Each structure stands twice: as C-alpha cells, then as structure tokens.
Amino acid sequence: MQVHLQPIERPQAEEPVLGEPTTSLWERVRQAVVSAGSEAGDALPLPNELVPLERLLRGLTLTGDPVANVAVARGKRPTRYDGSAKRLLVSTKHSVVAALMARSEDANAQRLLAAHALAEINRSLGEVTDADEQRALIALLEER
C-alpha cells in the first residue's frame, strides 16, 4: 500500500505589531515594555520631591547625556530607564523610593536615589560604562 502525502499549505506569517519584520522577538517585547512605561510616565506629574533627583542626574557628566528628564511611572521596580526618550522612570509607590522621597530635604537620600538611578542607566545603556558610573558615584559622594 502506497500513501501519497500532499504538501500542507501554510498561512503566511503576519507582520509584527512593533518594529520591523527583521526585529527579534526579544527586541519587540522590550520596545513594548519601554513604551508602556513611557506612557505611564507621561501621564503623571513629577512630584516636588523628585525635582532634586532630576537636577542631580542632569548635573552629572555621563556619556551621551542620557537623562533629559525624570518621570513618575507605575511598576514593581523602583526605577527604569527609557533610552528612546532619555527618561528615568521612577515608581513612587515602591517602598524604598517612597521612603527616600519622604526625606527629600536630606541630600544623602537624594544621592542614594541618584546612585540607584545611575546603576539602572548603566545597566540599560551600553555607552554609559562602569567607569562613567564610578566617576558619577564619586562626584555624588564628594558633593556637599
């Protein structure tokens, strides 16, 4: 007995929702997450307690001036970095961030929050090196 198999016609794949067709799945997921975080940050005003953080980060000399602004976002992580908008997203509901914001007049609390932000920026951006982060952290420690 001979069996003849017919080729199965496969449907054409749909174009991805985000990115170019050649964009990897991981890159499309990352774009979606960053976009969602950016939208959340745009919707919420920056509390006065975070203005010193924004000033501190802008004053540091990091490669490419990666921080244009700081915005409030909702999320489980205390900070996230949106490279496309050069924006640091801060989750004010996070317990550590809330505790530091409650001490907004304390320069050490602001430096601690800035140090955390620097680690996030360094993690997210290849052009901000460990040496950049180290120089910025030393500058924060020497600031009076």
Protein backbone atom coordinates (compact mmCIF):
# COMPACT_ATOMS: atom_id res chain seq x y z
CA MET A 1 0.00 0.00 0.00
CA GLN A 2 1.35 3.38 -1.02
CA VAL A 3 0.49 6.60 0.76
CA HIS A 4 0.79 9.89 -1.08
CA LEU A 5 1.24 12.91 1.13
CA GLN A 6 0.02 16.25 -0.08
CA PRO A 7 2.04 19.29 0.95
CA ILE A 8 0.26 21.37 3.56
CA GLU A 9 -0.24 24.98 2.64
CA ARG A 10 0.98 27.14 5.50
CA PRO A 11 -0.55 30.54 6.12
CA GLN A 12 1.77 33.48 5.71
CA ALA A 13 3.05 34.95 8.93
CA GLU A 14 1.61 38.26 9.96
CA GLU A 15 3.88 41.29 10.24
CA PRO A 16 4.85 42.07 13.83
CA VAL A 17 2.92 44.77 15.62
CA LEU A 18 6.06 46.57 16.84
CA GLY A 19 9.29 47.08 14.95
CA GLU A 20 10.48 45.97 11.59
CA PRO A 21 9.88 42.42 10.32
CA THR A 22 13.55 41.67 11.00
CA THR A 23 13.34 42.83 14.62
CA SER A 24 13.86 39.97 17.05
CA LEU A 25 11.09 38.85 19.33
CA TRP A 26 13.08 39.97 22.37
CA GLU A 27 13.56 43.47 20.89
CA ARG A 28 9.82 43.78 20.14
CA VAL A 29 8.95 42.74 23.72
CA ARG A 30 11.48 45.26 25.10
CA GLN A 31 10.02 48.03 22.90
CA ALA A 32 6.51 47.23 24.13
CA VAL A 33 7.57 47.30 27.79
CA VAL A 34 9.52 50.54 27.42
CA SER A 35 6.64 52.13 25.51
CA ALA A 36 4.18 51.15 28.22
CA GLY A 37 6.46 52.60 30.87
CA SER A 38 6.87 55.83 28.90
CA GLU A 39 3.13 56.28 28.57
CA ALA A 40 2.68 55.77 32.29
CA GLY A 41 5.42 58.30 32.99
CA ASP A 42 3.87 60.89 30.69
CA ALA A 43 0.53 60.71 32.46
CA LEU A 44 1.78 61.54 35.96
CA PRO A 45 3.25 64.89 37.06
CA LEU A 46 6.71 64.97 38.64
CA PRO A 47 6.37 65.46 42.40
CA ASN A 48 8.46 68.21 44.00
CA GLU A 49 10.34 65.52 45.95
CA LEU A 50 11.88 64.21 42.69
CA VAL A 51 12.99 67.58 41.30
CA PRO A 52 16.34 67.41 43.16
CA LEU A 53 16.95 63.96 41.68
CA GLU A 54 16.39 65.29 38.17
CA ARG A 55 18.76 68.18 38.88
CA LEU A 56 21.42 65.83 40.28
CA LEU A 57 21.25 63.48 37.28
CA ARG A 58 21.40 66.32 34.75
CA GLY A 59 24.46 67.74 36.53
CA LEU A 60 26.49 64.55 36.20
CA THR A 61 28.77 64.18 33.20
CA LEU A 62 27.67 60.88 31.70
CA THR A 63 28.46 59.81 28.15
CA GLY A 64 25.72 60.99 25.79
CA ASP A 65 23.83 63.00 28.44
CA PRO A 66 21.37 60.11 28.93
CA VAL A 67 18.87 61.86 31.23
CA ALA A 68 16.68 64.56 29.69
CA ASN A 69 14.06 64.23 32.41
CA VAL A 70 12.63 62.17 35.24
CA ALA A 71 9.05 60.95 35.20
CA VAL A 72 6.76 59.03 37.54
CA ALA A 73 5.72 55.55 36.47
CA ARG A 74 3.87 52.65 37.98
CA GLY A 75 5.78 49.43 38.33
CA LYS A 76 7.37 46.94 40.66
CA ARG A 77 10.92 48.12 40.03
CA PRO A 78 12.00 51.34 41.77
CA THR A 79 13.48 52.81 38.58
CA ARG A 80 13.51 52.02 34.88
CA TYR A 81 15.26 53.80 32.05
CA ASP A 82 13.63 54.68 28.73
CA GLY A 83 16.55 55.20 26.38
CA SER A 84 14.46 56.36 23.43
CA ALA A 85 13.14 59.31 25.46
CA LYS A 86 16.26 59.73 27.65
CA ARG A 87 13.91 59.44 30.60
CA LEU A 88 14.34 57.92 34.03
CA LEU A 89 11.05 56.42 35.21
CA VAL A 90 10.61 56.32 38.99
CA SER A 91 7.98 54.22 40.74
CA THR A 92 6.91 56.45 43.61
CA LYS A 93 4.81 53.61 45.08
CA HIS A 94 7.91 51.44 45.59
CA SER A 95 8.69 51.26 49.33
CA VAL A 96 12.35 52.31 49.01
CA VAL A 97 11.55 55.23 46.68
CA ALA A 98 8.69 56.35 48.95
CA ALA A 99 10.99 56.28 51.99
CA LEU A 100 13.66 58.32 50.19
CA MET A 101 11.07 60.77 48.85
CA ALA A 102 9.82 61.30 52.42
CA ARG A 103 13.35 62.56 53.16
CA SER A 104 13.54 64.81 50.08
CA GLU A 105 15.28 67.58 52.09
CA ASP A 106 18.07 65.14 53.02
CA ALA A 107 20.89 65.40 50.45
CA ASN A 108 22.08 61.89 51.33
CA ALA A 109 18.65 60.43 50.50
CA GLN A 110 18.76 62.19 47.12
CA ARG A 111 22.28 60.89 46.46
CA LEU A 112 21.19 57.36 47.33
CA LEU A 113 18.28 57.58 44.89
CA ALA A 114 20.62 59.04 42.24
CA ALA A 115 23.07 56.17 42.80
CA HIS A 116 20.29 53.66 42.19
CA ALA A 117 19.29 55.55 39.05
CA LEU A 118 22.89 55.50 37.81
CA ALA A 119 23.03 51.72 38.17
CA GLU A 120 19.81 51.41 36.14
CA ILE A 121 21.09 53.75 33.42
CA ASN A 122 24.40 51.87 33.24
CA ARG A 123 22.55 48.55 33.01
CA SER A 124 20.33 49.84 30.20
CA LEU A 125 22.83 51.77 28.10
CA GLY A 126 25.96 50.32 26.58
CA GLU A 127 27.56 53.73 26.04
CA VAL A 128 27.38 54.57 29.76
CA THR A 129 30.26 52.49 31.06
CA ASP A 130 31.12 51.23 34.51
CA ALA A 131 33.86 53.90 34.56
CA ASP A 132 31.20 56.59 33.88
CA GLU A 133 29.08 55.22 36.70
CA GLN A 134 32.08 55.12 39.04
CA ARG A 135 33.04 58.75 38.24
CA ALA A 136 29.44 59.87 38.79
CA LEU A 137 29.18 57.99 42.10
CA ILE A 138 32.43 59.58 43.34
CA ALA A 139 31.11 63.00 42.30
CA LEU A 140 27.92 62.33 44.28
CA LEU A 141 29.93 61.32 47.35
CA GLU A 142 32.16 64.40 47.12
CA GLU A 143 29.24 66.80 46.68
CA ARG A 144 28.43 68.84 49.73
